[in-house]
Amino acid sequence: QLYFIQSNLRCHDLANMLRSQIESCAIPVWYNHFRPITFETLFLQLTPDFLAYLLSDGVVLPPSLIPAQPRPNQDSSDESEGDEEEWEEPPQASQPDFPDLEAKIRQVIERLGGEVFVKLNWSAPKDVSWMLHDNSLCCRTPLDVILLLKGSEFIQHDLTQAFMECSDGVHETPTGGFVLSIRAFQNLTPAGEFRCFVRNNNLIAVCQRHHRQHFPSLLSDKVNILNDLQHFFYSYVQHKFPLPDFVLDVYRAAPHHVLLVDFNPFCRVTDPLLFSWEELGAAPPAQVPLLRVVESQEQVKGHPYAAHRVPHDVVNISSQQDINEFVNMFNSGKFNADSDDDL
């Protein structure tokens, strides 16, 4: 059973974070309370053996997900017994096997329309979108899901360091355990995504979510954007989340149409994007929140996940047909982010 953490905590001390703040921002905790204003999401409880698999070294996939490799052609009339022995497969190390989880993932994908976006309690595997053939986080099969979860450092962080900065319960697991959160995939327009900063249950600041891109349309529409985001927050979120200070990610799909994406703690573990935590922590209450966007192409910086990108020779094999070669390259350490051939 999952629990909604009620708290009167205040997060003015940005360096002193408590476990309750992190737990309140986990999607399986808040989802049912905000279901009407967010994307449809289903949850699968993860078992200890699957969690141990995610934390193990290398990439060994469940055999049921690996496409069969054709054996070399042999002319039986010309082969001796010795030659036949040469093709005998060596003993295999024990392979992971999660048929129940695979079946449940497949059912959820079908129920949600055939394309899904996955995350754990907090994080999505955004650092390994290159693992899928279309370089996105759109999963269509259990193989897609397990590949992303297994390869992602962000997922590893959820599993091992979610409470690392907390002054209480550093090594604890989340209430209700670890959960695979599966959302209907949405092809969101990056210019429509925003991060909202809330202090003492008041919206104090807003900025574009993709802070390393320049969207000229945002400059001419700032007033309408801010009006829509304020209306959404004060109508549907204010005083309904258990923390007085938090960070809210939203999607403005169209004028007057805003959806909730995620909650984050109002602390240094959350990226302030176009702000700094010093200015957010000292910001006085204001009737109109500060809206900040990237105003020119000159302000654009590098890609936020550049350190997680891979060499060119890996890109073309991240498909089901080449999955065995892909896994071998992954385990060999060929994915070197410092390579001169990186994307």
C-alpha atoms as a PDB file:
ATOM      1  CA  GLN A   1       0.000   0.000   0.000  1.00  0.00           C
ATOM      2  CA  LEU A   2       1.179   3.510  -0.831  1.00  0.00           C
ATOM      3  CA  TYR A   3       0.731   6.404   1.549  1.00  0.00           C
ATOM      4  CA  PHE A   4       0.227  10.113   0.932  1.00  0.00           C
ATOM      5  CA  ILE A   5       2.641  11.876   3.267  1.00  0.00           C
ATOM      6  CA  GLN A   6       1.000  14.699   5.167  1.00  0.00           C
ATOM      7  CA  SER A   7       3.449  17.286   6.436  1.00  0.00           C
ATOM      8  CA  ASN A   8       3.708  20.859   7.644  1.00  0.00           C
ATOM      9  CA  LEU A   9       7.430  20.971   6.880  1.00  0.00           C
ATOM     10  CA  ARG A  10       9.001  24.129   5.595  1.00  0.00           C
ATOM     11  CA  CYS A  11      12.009  24.045   3.354  1.00  0.00           C
ATOM     12  CA  HIS A  12      13.527  27.486   3.896  1.00  0.00           C
ATOM     13  CA  ASP A  13      16.779  25.781   4.870  1.00  0.00           C
ATOM     14  CA  LEU A  14      17.619  24.549   1.395  1.00  0.00           C
ATOM     15  CA  ALA A  15      20.518  22.445   2.637  1.00  0.00           C
ATOM     16  CA  ASN A  16      18.498  20.606   5.307  1.00  0.00           C
ATOM     17  CA  MET A  17      16.204  18.248   3.455  1.00  0.00           C
ATOM     18  CA  LEU A  18      13.945  15.674   5.079  1.00  0.00           C
ATOM     19  CA  ARG A  19      12.777  12.310   3.807  1.00  0.00           C
ATOM     20  CA  SER A  20       9.130  13.421   3.923  1.00  0.00           C
ATOM     21  CA  GLN A  21       9.816  16.114   1.335  1.00  0.00           C
ATOM     22  CA  ILE A  22      11.246  13.563  -1.104  1.00  0.00           C
ATOM     23  CA  GLU A  23       8.490  11.022  -0.524  1.00  0.00           C
ATOM     24  CA  SER A  24       5.727  13.560  -1.060  1.00  0.00           C
ATOM     25  CA  CYS A  25       7.089  14.189  -4.575  1.00  0.00           C
ATOM     26  CA  ALA A  26       7.022  10.522  -5.636  1.00  0.00           C
ATOM     27  CA  ILE A  27       4.479  10.021  -8.398  1.00  0.00           C
ATOM     28  CA  PRO A  28       2.786   6.959  -6.834  1.00  0.00           C
ATOM     29  CA  VAL A  29       2.209   9.076  -3.714  1.00  0.00           C
ATOM     30  CA  TRP A  30       0.615  12.144  -5.321  1.00  0.00           C
ATOM     31  CA  TYR A  31      -0.960  10.698  -8.479  1.00  0.00           C
ATOM     32  CA  ASN A  32      -4.414   9.743  -7.173  1.00  0.00           C
ATOM     33  CA  HIS A  33      -4.900  13.189  -5.629  1.00  0.00           C
ATOM     34  CA  PHE A  34      -4.228  14.941  -8.932  1.00  0.00           C
ATOM     35  CA  ARG A  35      -5.416  12.320 -11.420  1.00  0.00           C
ATOM     36  CA  PRO A  36      -7.903  14.616 -13.240  1.00  0.00           C
ATOM     37  CA  ILE A  37      -5.223  17.165 -14.163  1.00  0.00           C
ATOM     38  CA  THR A  38      -2.330  14.921 -15.196  1.00  0.00           C
ATOM     39  CA  PHE A  39      -1.516  12.162 -17.694  1.00  0.00           C
ATOM     40  CA  GLU A  40      -2.918   8.672 -17.188  1.00  0.00           C
ATOM     41  CA  THR A  41      -0.474   6.522 -15.240  1.00  0.00           C
ATOM     42  CA  LEU A  42      -0.477   2.898 -14.085  1.00  0.00           C
ATOM     43  CA  PHE A  43       1.840   1.383 -11.492  1.00  0.00           C
ATOM     44  CA  LEU A  44       3.607  -1.963 -11.103  1.00  0.00           C
ATOM     45  CA  GLN A  45       5.255  -2.931  -7.826  1.00  0.00           C
ATOM     46  CA  LEU A  46       8.859  -4.000  -8.375  1.00  0.00           C
ATOM     47  CA  THR A  47      10.088  -7.157  -6.667  1.00  0.00           C
ATOM     48  CA  PRO A  48      13.412  -7.443  -4.797  1.00  0.00           C
ATOM     49  CA  ASP A  49      14.866  -9.762  -7.452  1.00  0.00           C
ATOM     50  CA  PHE A  50      14.151  -7.283 -10.245  1.00  0.00           C
ATOM     51  CA  LEU A  51      15.615  -4.421  -8.206  1.00  0.00           C
ATOM     52  CA  ALA A  52      18.740  -6.501  -7.595  1.00  0.00           C
ATOM     53  CA  TYR A  53      18.931  -7.104 -11.362  1.00  0.00           C
ATOM     54  CA  LEU A  54      18.762  -3.354 -12.073  1.00  0.00           C
ATOM     55  CA  LEU A  55      21.626  -2.775  -9.630  1.00  0.00           C
ATOM     56  CA  SER A  56      23.825  -5.577 -10.979  1.00  0.00           C
ATOM     57  CA  ASP A  57      26.783  -4.885 -13.264  1.00  0.00           C
ATOM     58  CA  GLY A  58      26.565  -5.167 -17.043  1.00  0.00           C
ATOM     59  CA  VAL A  59      23.557  -5.748 -19.259  1.00  0.00           C
ATOM     60  CA  VAL A  60      22.233  -9.299 -19.248  1.00  0.00           C
ATOM     61  CA  LEU A  61      18.730  -9.352 -20.663  1.00  0.00           C
ATOM     62  CA  PRO A  62      16.014 -11.894 -19.897  1.00  0.00           C
ATOM     63  CA  PRO A  63      16.275 -14.601 -22.601  1.00  0.00           C
ATOM     64  CA  SER A  64      12.644 -14.159 -23.600  1.00  0.00           C
ATOM     65  CA  LEU A  65      13.446 -10.605 -24.765  1.00  0.00           C
ATOM     66  CA  ILE A  66      16.534 -11.397 -26.834  1.00  0.00           C
ATOM     67  CA  PRO A  67      15.959 -12.032 -30.563  1.00  0.00           C
ATOM     68  CA  ALA A  68      17.377 -15.399 -31.618  1.00  0.00           C
ATOM     69  CA  GLN A  69      20.779 -15.396 -33.306  1.00  0.00           C
ATOM     70  CA  PRO A  70      21.108 -17.548 -36.435  1.00  0.00           C
ATOM     71  CA  ARG A  71      23.701 -20.306 -36.105  1.00  0.00           C
ATOM     72  CA  PRO A  72      26.484 -20.466 -38.728  1.00  0.00           C
ATOM     73  CA  ASN A  73      25.642 -22.580 -41.806  1.00  0.00           C
ATOM     74  CA  GLN A  74      27.350 -25.933 -41.714  1.00  0.00           C
ATOM     75  CA  ASP A  75      27.673 -28.596 -44.412  1.00  0.00           C
ATOM     76  CA  SER A  76      27.097 -31.752 -42.393  1.00  0.00           C
ATOM     77  CA  SER A  77      28.697 -33.950 -45.080  1.00  0.00           C
ATOM     78  CA  ASP A  78      32.021 -32.138 -44.704  1.00  0.00           C
ATOM     79  CA  GLU A  79      32.061 -31.694 -40.938  1.00  0.00           C
ATOM     80  CA  SER A  80      33.826 -34.069 -38.587  1.00  0.00           C
ATOM     81  CA  GLU A  81      32.824 -34.695 -35.010  1.00  0.00           C
ATOM     82  CA  GLY A  82      35.609 -32.335 -33.924  1.00  0.00           C
ATOM     83  CA  ASP A  83      34.194 -29.571 -36.099  1.00  0.00           C
ATOM     84  CA  GLU A  84      30.750 -30.131 -34.646  1.00  0.00           C
ATOM     85  CA  GLU A  85      32.146 -29.774 -31.132  1.00  0.00           C
ATOM     86  CA  GLU A  86      33.637 -26.442 -32.152  1.00  0.00           C
ATOM     87  CA  TRP A  87      30.119 -24.991 -32.485  1.00  0.00           C
ATOM     88  CA  GLU A  88      28.874 -26.247 -29.135  1.00  0.00           C
ATOM     89  CA  GLU A  89      27.740 -23.321 -27.032  1.00  0.00           C
ATOM     90  CA  PRO A  90      29.672 -22.742 -23.814  1.00  0.00           C
ATOM     91  CA  PRO A  91      27.785 -22.920 -20.522  1.00  0.00           C
ATOM     92  CA  GLN A  92      25.832 -19.731 -19.961  1.00  0.00           C
ATOM     93  CA  ALA A  93      25.784 -17.741 -16.768  1.00  0.00           C
ATOM     94  CA  SER A  94      22.405 -17.678 -15.125  1.00  0.00           C
ATOM     95  CA  GLN A  95      20.173 -15.248 -16.952  1.00  0.00           C
ATOM     96  CA  PRO A  96      17.509 -13.086 -15.332  1.00  0.00           C
ATOM     97  CA  ASP A  97      13.956 -14.183 -15.868  1.00  0.00           C
ATOM     98  CA  PHE A  98      10.926 -12.037 -15.044  1.00  0.00           C
ATOM     99  CA  PRO A  99       8.012 -13.519 -17.023  1.00  0.00           C
ATOM    100  CA  ASP A 100       5.324 -12.131 -14.707  1.00  0.00           C
ATOM    101  CA  LEU A 101       6.694  -8.579 -14.868  1.00  0.00           C
ATOM    102  CA  GLU A 102       7.164  -8.795 -18.640  1.00  0.00           C
ATOM    103  CA  ALA A 103       3.566  -9.939 -19.058  1.00  0.00           C
ATOM    104  CA  LYS A 104       2.267  -7.127 -16.846  1.00  0.00           C
ATOM    105  CA  ILE A 105       4.332  -4.512 -18.706  1.00  0.00           C
ATOM    106  CA  ARG A 106       2.990  -5.818 -22.013  1.00  0.00           C
ATOM    107  CA  GLN A 107      -0.595  -5.598 -20.718  1.00  0.00           C
ATOM    108  CA  VAL A 108      -0.116  -2.050 -19.452  1.00  0.00           C
ATOM    109  CA  ILE A 109       1.429  -0.924 -22.743  1.00  0.00           C
ATOM    110  CA  GLU A 110      -1.564  -2.338 -24.617  1.00  0.00           C
ATOM    111  CA  ARG A 111      -4.024  -0.735 -22.197  1.00  0.00           C
ATOM    112  CA  LEU A 112      -2.371   2.674 -22.578  1.00  0.00           C
ATOM    113  CA  GLY A 113      -2.504   2.635 -26.360  1.00  0.00           C
ATOM    114  CA  GLY A 114       0.717   0.892 -27.374  1.00  0.00           C
ATOM    115  CA  GLU A 115       3.204   3.663 -26.506  1.00  0.00           C
ATOM    116  CA  VAL A 116       4.302   4.547 -22.984  1.00  0.00           C
ATOM    117  CA  PHE A 117       6.761   6.631 -20.968  1.00  0.00           C
ATOM    118  CA  VAL A 118       8.302   5.012 -17.884  1.00  0.00           C
ATOM    119  CA  LYS A 119       9.895   6.198 -14.676  1.00  0.00           C
ATOM    120  CA  LEU A 120      10.391   4.918 -11.157  1.00  0.00           C
ATOM    121  CA  ASN A 121       9.108   6.728  -8.071  1.00  0.00           C
ATOM    122  CA  TRP A 122      10.846   9.962  -9.087  1.00  0.00           C
ATOM    123  CA  SER A 123      13.125   9.742 -12.087  1.00  0.00           C
ATOM    124  CA  ALA A 124      12.760   8.872 -15.758  1.00  0.00           C
ATOM    125  CA  PRO A 125      15.667   7.368 -17.750  1.00  0.00           C
ATOM    126  CA  LYS A 126      16.175  10.559 -19.760  1.00  0.00           C
ATOM    127  CA  ASP A 127      19.933  10.000 -19.897  1.00  0.00           C
ATOM    128  CA  VAL A 128      19.587   6.909 -22.132  1.00  0.00           C
ATOM    129  CA  SER A 129      17.001   7.888 -24.728  1.00  0.00           C
ATOM    130  CA  TRP A 130      19.632   6.922 -27.345  1.00  0.00           C
ATOM    131  CA  MET A 131      19.071   3.262 -26.449  1.00  0.00           C
ATOM    132  CA  LEU A 132      15.822   3.188 -28.414  1.00  0.00           C
ATOM    133  CA  HIS A 133      15.837   3.242 -32.187  1.00  0.00           C
ATOM    134  CA  ASP A 134      14.031   6.585 -32.513  1.00  0.00           C
ATOM    135  CA  ASN A 135      16.145   8.307 -29.845  1.00  0.00           C
ATOM    136  CA  SER A 136      13.125   8.967 -27.656  1.00  0.00           C
ATOM    137  CA  LEU A 137      11.693   7.642 -24.408  1.00  0.00           C
ATOM    138  CA  CYS A 138       8.693   6.123 -26.189  1.00  0.00           C
ATOM    139  CA  CYS A 139       8.508   2.452 -25.160  1.00  0.00           C
ATOM    140  CA  ARG A 140       6.494  -0.060 -27.187  1.00  0.00           C
ATOM    141  CA  THR A 141       7.694  -3.381 -25.749  1.00  0.00           C
ATOM    142  CA  PRO A 142       8.926  -4.815 -22.431  1.00  0.00           C
ATOM    143  CA  LEU A 143      12.401  -4.900 -24.020  1.00  0.00           C
ATOM    144  CA  ASP A 144      12.311  -1.114 -24.471  1.00  0.00           C
ATOM    145  CA  VAL A 145      11.286  -0.630 -20.851  1.00  0.00           C
ATOM    146  CA  ILE A 146      13.887  -2.949 -19.346  1.00  0.00           C
ATOM    147  CA  LEU A 147      16.695  -1.589 -21.538  1.00  0.00           C
ATOM    148  CA  LEU A 148      16.038   1.976 -20.380  1.00  0.00           C
ATOM    149  CA  LEU A 149      15.727   1.032 -16.721  1.00  0.00           C
ATOM    150  CA  LYS A 150      18.843  -1.120 -16.783  1.00  0.00           C
ATOM    151  CA  GLY A 151      21.058   1.408 -18.566  1.00  0.00           C
ATOM    152  CA  SER A 152      20.056   4.616 -16.778  1.00  0.00           C
ATOM    153  CA  GLU A 153      22.149   6.361 -14.137  1.00  0.00           C
ATOM    154  CA  PHE A 154      19.056   8.360 -13.183  1.00  0.00           C
ATOM    155  CA  ILE A 155      17.263   5.126 -12.294  1.00  0.00           C
ATOM    156  CA  GLN A 156      20.324   4.003 -10.309  1.00  0.00           C
ATOM    157  CA  HIS A 157      20.067   7.275  -8.369  1.00  0.00           C
ATOM    158  CA  ASP A 158      16.442   6.547  -7.443  1.00  0.00           C
ATOM    159  CA  LEU A 159      17.411   3.083  -6.221  1.00  0.00           C
ATOM    160  CA  THR A 160      20.496   4.016  -4.202  1.00  0.00           C
ATOM    161  CA  GLN A 161      20.605   7.757  -3.487  1.00  0.00           C
ATOM    162  CA  ALA A 162      17.050   9.069  -3.338  1.00  0.00           C
ATOM    163  CA  PHE A 163      17.467  10.137   0.305  1.00  0.00           C
ATOM    164  CA  MET A 164      21.209  10.751   0.225  1.00  0.00           C
ATOM    165  CA  GLU A 165      20.871  14.487   1.016  1.00  0.00           C
ATOM    166  CA  CYS A 166      18.292  13.958   3.756  1.00  0.00           C
ATOM    167  CA  SER A 167      19.159  14.505   7.395  1.00  0.00           C
ATOM    168  CA  ASP A 168      16.983  11.515   8.307  1.00  0.00           C
ATOM    169  CA  GLY A 169      16.626   8.084   6.708  1.00  0.00           C
ATOM    170  CA  VAL A 170      19.535   8.334   4.262  1.00  0.00           C
ATOM    171  CA  HIS A 171      19.558   4.640   3.364  1.00  0.00           C
ATOM    172  CA  GLU A 172      15.851   3.960   3.663  1.00  0.00           C
ATOM    173  CA  THR A 173      13.644   2.619   0.882  1.00  0.00           C
ATOM    174  CA  PRO A 174      10.538   4.652   0.012  1.00  0.00           C
ATOM    175  CA  THR A 175       7.239   4.016   1.743  1.00  0.00           C
ATOM    176  CA  GLY A 176       5.463   1.381  -0.305  1.00  0.00           C
ATOM    177  CA  GLY A 177       8.683   0.260  -1.995  1.00  0.00           C
ATOM    178  CA  PHE A 178       9.928   0.967  -5.497  1.00  0.00           C
ATOM    179  CA  VAL A 179       7.330   1.251  -8.219  1.00  0.00           C
ATOM    180  CA  LEU A 180       7.465   1.230 -12.012  1.00  0.00           C
ATOM    181  CA  SER A 181       5.316   4.157 -13.133  1.00  0.00           C
ATOM    182  CA  ILE A 182       4.012   3.740 -16.681  1.00  0.00           C
ATOM    183  CA  ARG A 183       2.391   6.750 -18.336  1.00  0.00           C
ATOM    184  CA  ALA A 184       0.640   7.019 -21.669  1.00  0.00           C
ATOM    185  CA  PHE A 185       3.279   8.496 -23.972  1.00  0.00           C
ATOM    186  CA  GLN A 186       2.725  12.138 -24.884  1.00  0.00           C
ATOM    187  CA  ASN A 187       4.594  13.862 -27.698  1.00  0.00           C
ATOM    188  CA  LEU A 188       5.005  17.116 -25.797  1.00  0.00           C
ATOM    189  CA  THR A 189       6.078  20.325 -27.487  1.00  0.00           C
ATOM    190  CA  PRO A 190       9.193  21.493 -25.563  1.00  0.00           C
ATOM    191  CA  ALA A 191       8.097  25.143 -25.694  1.00  0.00           C
ATOM    192  CA  GLY A 192       5.000  24.216 -23.692  1.00  0.00           C
ATOM    193  CA  GLU A 193       6.851  22.808 -20.672  1.00  0.00           C
ATOM    194  CA  PHE A 194       7.436  25.007 -17.618  1.00  0.00           C
ATOM    195  CA  ARG A 195       8.860  24.716 -14.110  1.00  0.00           C
ATOM    196  CA  CYS A 196       7.004  26.575 -11.355  1.00  0.00           C
ATOM    197  CA  PHE A 197       8.517  27.415  -7.964  1.00  0.00           C
ATOM    198  CA  VAL A 198       6.151  27.546  -4.981  1.00  0.00           C
ATOM    199  CA  ARG A 199       7.019  28.974  -1.578  1.00  0.00           C
ATOM    200  CA  ASN A 200       4.615  29.227   1.348  1.00  0.00           C
ATOM    201  CA  ASN A 201       1.903  28.004  -1.049  1.00  0.00           C
ATOM    202  CA  ASN A 202       2.430  30.976  -3.357  1.00  0.00           C
ATOM    203  CA  LEU A 203       3.710  30.841  -6.906  1.00  0.00           C
ATOM    204  CA  ILE A 204       6.878  32.961  -6.835  1.00  0.00           C
ATOM    205  CA  ALA A 205       8.692  32.128 -10.096  1.00  0.00           C
ATOM    206  CA  VAL A 206       8.308  30.323 -13.422  1.00  0.00           C
ATOM    207  CA  CYS A 207      10.746  29.424 -16.190  1.00  0.00           C
ATOM    208  CA  GLN A 208      10.797  27.316 -19.315  1.00  0.00           C
ATOM    209  CA  ARG A 209      11.574  23.666 -18.603  1.00  0.00           C
ATOM    210  CA  HIS A 210      13.943  23.205 -21.550  1.00  0.00           C
ATOM    211  CA  HIS A 211      16.310  25.934 -20.474  1.00  0.00           C
ATOM    212  CA  ARG A 212      18.973  25.111 -23.078  1.00  0.00           C
ATOM    213  CA  GLN A 213      16.728  26.001 -26.012  1.00  0.00           C
ATOM    214  CA  HIS A 214      15.469  29.294 -27.398  1.00  0.00           C
ATOM    215  CA  PHE A 215      11.763  29.522 -28.290  1.00  0.00           C
ATOM    216  CA  PRO A 216      10.954  32.930 -29.857  1.00  0.00           C
ATOM    217  CA  SER A 217       7.213  32.372 -29.349  1.00  0.00           C
ATOM    218  CA  LEU A 218       7.622  32.516 -25.572  1.00  0.00           C
ATOM    219  CA  LEU A 219       8.805  36.117 -25.648  1.00  0.00           C
ATOM    220  CA  SER A 220       5.673  37.383 -27.370  1.00  0.00           C
ATOM    221  CA  ASP A 221       3.306  35.298 -25.240  1.00  0.00           C
ATOM    222  CA  LYS A 222       4.697  35.826 -21.741  1.00  0.00           C
ATOM    223  CA  VAL A 223       1.598  37.558 -20.337  1.00  0.00           C
ATOM    224  CA  ASN A 224      -0.807  34.844 -21.510  1.00  0.00           C
ATOM    225  CA  ILE A 225       1.526  32.085 -20.357  1.00  0.00           C
ATOM    226  CA  LEU A 226       1.807  33.540 -16.882  1.00  0.00           C
ATOM    227  CA  ASN A 227      -1.947  34.083 -16.633  1.00  0.00           C
ATOM    228  CA  ASP A 228      -2.625  30.459 -17.580  1.00  0.00           C
ATOM    229  CA  LEU A 229      -0.062  29.060 -15.155  1.00  0.00           C
ATOM    230  CA  GLN A 230      -1.293  31.222 -12.281  1.00  0.00           C
ATOM    231  CA  HIS A 231      -4.889  30.210 -12.923  1.00  0.00           C
ATOM    232  CA  PHE A 232      -3.911  26.535 -12.991  1.00  0.00           C
ATOM    233  CA  PHE A 233      -1.887  26.702  -9.804  1.00  0.00           C
ATOM    234  CA  TYR A 234      -4.353  28.685  -7.709  1.00  0.00           C
ATOM    235  CA  SER A 235      -7.354  26.711  -8.991  1.00  0.00           C
ATOM    236  CA  TYR A 236      -6.058  23.138  -8.844  1.00  0.00           C
ATOM    237  CA  VAL A 237      -2.842  22.876  -6.819  1.00  0.00           C
ATOM    238  CA  GLN A 238      -2.588  25.493  -4.065  1.00  0.00           C
ATOM    239  CA  HIS A 239      -3.132  23.979  -0.572  1.00  0.00           C
ATOM    240  CA  LYS A 240      -3.784  20.560  -2.124  1.00  0.00           C
ATOM    241  CA  PHE A 241      -0.153  19.376  -1.972  1.00  0.00           C
ATOM    242  CA  PRO A 242       1.117  18.477   1.534  1.00  0.00           C
ATOM    243  CA  LEU A 243       4.221  20.695   1.433  1.00  0.00           C
ATOM    244  CA  PRO A 244       4.080  24.497   1.507  1.00  0.00           C
ATOM    245  CA  ASP A 245       7.272  24.755  -0.565  1.00  0.00           C
ATOM    246  CA  PHE A 246       7.704  22.679  -3.716  1.00  0.00           C
ATOM    247  CA  VAL A 247       8.508  22.768  -7.425  1.00  0.00           C
ATOM    248  CA  LEU A 248       5.866  21.999 -10.011  1.00  0.00           C
ATOM    249  CA  ASP A 249       6.442  20.914 -13.611  1.00  0.00           C
ATOM    250  CA  VAL A 250       3.519  21.615 -15.947  1.00  0.00           C
ATOM    251  CA  TYR A 251       2.637  21.453 -19.623  1.00  0.00           C
ATOM    252  CA  ARG A 252       0.704  24.207 -21.381  1.00  0.00           C
ATOM    253  CA  ALA A 253      -0.850  22.215 -24.205  1.00  0.00           C
ATOM    254  CA  ALA A 254      -2.783  25.203 -25.568  1.00  0.00           C
ATOM    255  CA  PRO A 255      -4.065  28.557 -24.309  1.00  0.00           C
ATOM    256  CA  HIS A 256      -6.132  27.976 -21.140  1.00  0.00           C
ATOM    257  CA  HIS A 257      -5.167  24.282 -21.098  1.00  0.00           C
ATOM    258  CA  VAL A 258      -2.477  23.317 -18.561  1.00  0.00           C
ATOM    259  CA  LEU A 259      -1.628  19.848 -17.248  1.00  0.00           C
ATOM    260  CA  LEU A 260       0.423  18.668 -14.292  1.00  0.00           C
ATOM    261  CA  VAL A 261       3.591  16.744 -15.133  1.00  0.00           C
ATOM    262  CA  ASP A 262       5.454  16.264 -11.844  1.00  0.00           C
ATOM    263  CA  PHE A 263       6.309  17.529  -8.357  1.00  0.00           C
ATOM    264  CA  ASN A 264       9.844  18.151  -7.063  1.00  0.00           C
ATOM    265  CA  PRO A 265      11.190  19.255  -3.674  1.00  0.00           C
ATOM    266  CA  PHE A 266      11.970  22.941  -3.121  1.00  0.00           C
ATOM    267  CA  CYS A 267      15.591  22.119  -2.368  1.00  0.00           C
ATOM    268  CA  ARG A 268      18.971  21.928  -4.034  1.00  0.00           C
ATOM    269  CA  VAL A 269      18.409  18.422  -5.408  1.00  0.00           C
ATOM    270  CA  THR A 270      16.025  20.040  -7.908  1.00  0.00           C
ATOM    271  CA  ASP A 271      17.528  21.945 -10.835  1.00  0.00           C
ATOM    272  CA  PRO A 272      16.512  25.641 -10.610  1.00  0.00           C
ATOM    273  CA  LEU A 273      17.144  25.968 -14.367  1.00  0.00           C
ATOM    274  CA  LEU A 274      17.142  29.695 -15.215  1.00  0.00           C
ATOM    275  CA  PHE A 275      17.192  30.737 -11.555  1.00  0.00           C
ATOM    276  CA  SER A 276      19.552  30.098  -8.655  1.00  0.00           C
ATOM    277  CA  TRP A 277      18.537  28.663  -5.311  1.00  0.00           C
ATOM    278  CA  GLU A 278      19.960  31.721  -3.585  1.00  0.00           C
ATOM    279  CA  GLU A 279      17.514  34.047  -5.345  1.00  0.00           C
ATOM    280  CA  LEU A 280      14.592  31.624  -4.993  1.00  0.00           C
ATOM    281  CA  GLY A 281      15.212  31.168  -1.281  1.00  0.00           C
ATOM    282  CA  ALA A 282      15.348  34.937  -0.727  1.00  0.00           C
ATOM    283  CA  ALA A 283      12.536  35.912  -3.087  1.00  0.00           C
ATOM    284  CA  PRO A 284       9.887  38.039  -1.324  1.00  0.00           C
ATOM    285  CA  PRO A 285       6.173  37.340  -1.859  1.00  0.00           C
ATOM    286  CA  ALA A 286       4.846  39.022  -4.999  1.00  0.00           C
ATOM    287  CA  GLN A 287       1.450  39.343  -6.632  1.00  0.00           C
ATOM    288  CA  VAL A 288       2.903  38.493 -10.023  1.00  0.00           C
ATOM    289  CA  PRO A 289       5.467  35.669 -10.234  1.00  0.00           C
ATOM    290  CA  LEU A 290       8.686  36.247 -12.120  1.00  0.00           C
ATOM    291  CA  LEU A 291       8.669  34.521 -15.531  1.00  0.00           C
ATOM    292  CA  ARG A 292      12.085  33.868 -17.031  1.00  0.00           C
ATOM    293  CA  VAL A 293      12.774  32.473 -20.533  1.00  0.00           C
ATOM    294  CA  VAL A 294      15.802  32.180 -22.799  1.00  0.00           C
ATOM    295  CA  GLU A 295      15.609  35.429 -24.741  1.00  0.00           C
ATOM    296  CA  SER A 296      18.113  34.775 -27.525  1.00  0.00           C
ATOM    297  CA  GLN A 297      20.042  32.004 -29.219  1.00  0.00           C
ATOM    298  CA  GLU A 298      23.220  33.414 -27.692  1.00  0.00           C
ATOM    299  CA  GLN A 299      21.995  32.361 -24.237  1.00  0.00           C
ATOM    300  CA  VAL A 300      21.684  28.714 -25.255  1.00  0.00           C
ATOM    301  CA  LYS A 301      24.193  26.403 -23.593  1.00  0.00           C
ATOM    302  CA  GLY A 302      25.155  22.758 -24.198  1.00  0.00           C
ATOM    303  CA  HIS A 303      22.815  19.786 -24.126  1.00  0.00           C
ATOM    304  CA  PRO A 304      21.926  18.833 -20.519  1.00  0.00           C
ATOM    305  CA  TYR A 305      22.640  15.128 -21.132  1.00  0.00           C
ATOM    306  CA  ALA A 306      25.794  15.531 -23.233  1.00  0.00           C
ATOM    307  CA  ALA A 307      27.804  13.509 -20.714  1.00  0.00           C
ATOM    308  CA  HIS A 308      25.512  10.535 -21.311  1.00  0.00           C
ATOM    309  CA  ARG A 309      25.758  10.457 -25.099  1.00  0.00           C
ATOM    310  CA  VAL A 310      27.461   7.645 -27.006  1.00  0.00           C
ATOM    311  CA  PRO A 311      29.818   7.123 -29.958  1.00  0.00           C
ATOM    312  CA  HIS A 312      28.412   7.169 -33.481  1.00  0.00           C
ATOM    313  CA  ASP A 313      29.174   3.475 -34.036  1.00  0.00           C
ATOM    314  CA  VAL A 314      26.683   2.528 -31.338  1.00  0.00           C
ATOM    315  CA  VAL A 315      23.714   4.554 -32.570  1.00  0.00           C
ATOM    316  CA  ASN A 316      22.783   2.339 -35.498  1.00  0.00           C
ATOM    317  CA  ILE A 317      22.633  -0.893 -33.512  1.00  0.00           C
ATOM    318  CA  SER A 318      20.132   0.062 -30.811  1.00  0.00           C
ATOM    319  CA  SER A 319      17.304  -1.926 -32.373  1.00  0.00           C
ATOM    320  CA  GLN A 320      15.886  -5.357 -31.650  1.00  0.00           C
ATOM    321  CA  GLN A 321      17.650  -6.962 -34.623  1.00  0.00           C
ATOM    322  CA  ASP A 322      21.047  -5.969 -33.271  1.00  0.00           C
ATOM    323  CA  ILE A 323      20.318  -6.300 -29.573  1.00  0.00           C
ATOM    324  CA  ASN A 324      22.988  -8.958 -28.935  1.00  0.00           C
ATOM    325  CA  GLU A 325      25.727  -6.785 -30.433  1.00  0.00           C
ATOM    326  CA  PHE A 326      24.319  -3.794 -28.538  1.00  0.00           C
ATOM    327  CA  VAL A 327      24.542  -5.628 -25.198  1.00  0.00           C
ATOM    328  CA  ASN A 328      28.072  -6.846 -25.928  1.00  0.00           C
ATOM    329  CA  MET A 329      29.234  -3.302 -26.693  1.00  0.00           C
ATOM    330  CA  PHE A 330      27.569  -1.983 -23.540  1.00  0.00           C
ATOM    331  CA  ASN A 331      29.266  -4.591 -21.349  1.00  0.00           C
ATOM    332  CA  SER A 332      32.644  -4.023 -22.994  1.00  0.00           C
ATOM    333  CA  GLY A 333      32.655  -0.371 -21.906  1.00  0.00           C
ATOM    334  CA  LYS A 334      32.572   0.957 -25.444  1.00  0.00           C
ATOM    335  CA  PHE A 335      30.083   3.679 -24.495  1.00  0.00           C
ATOM    336  CA  ASN A 336      32.700   6.279 -23.597  1.00  0.00           C
ATOM    337  CA  ALA A 337      31.168   9.718 -23.139  1.00  0.00           C
ATOM    338  CA  ASP A 338      34.585  11.321 -23.578  1.00  0.00           C
ATOM    339  CA  SER A 339      35.140   9.888 -27.057  1.00  0.00           C
ATOM    340  CA  ASP A 340      35.953  12.347 -29.841  1.00  0.00           C
ATOM    341  CA  ASP A 341      33.248  10.619 -31.875  1.00  0.00           C
ATOM    342  CA  ASP A 342      30.440  11.386 -29.436  1.00  0.00           C
ATOM    343  CA  LEU A 343      27.246  12.881 -30.794  1.00  0.00           C
END
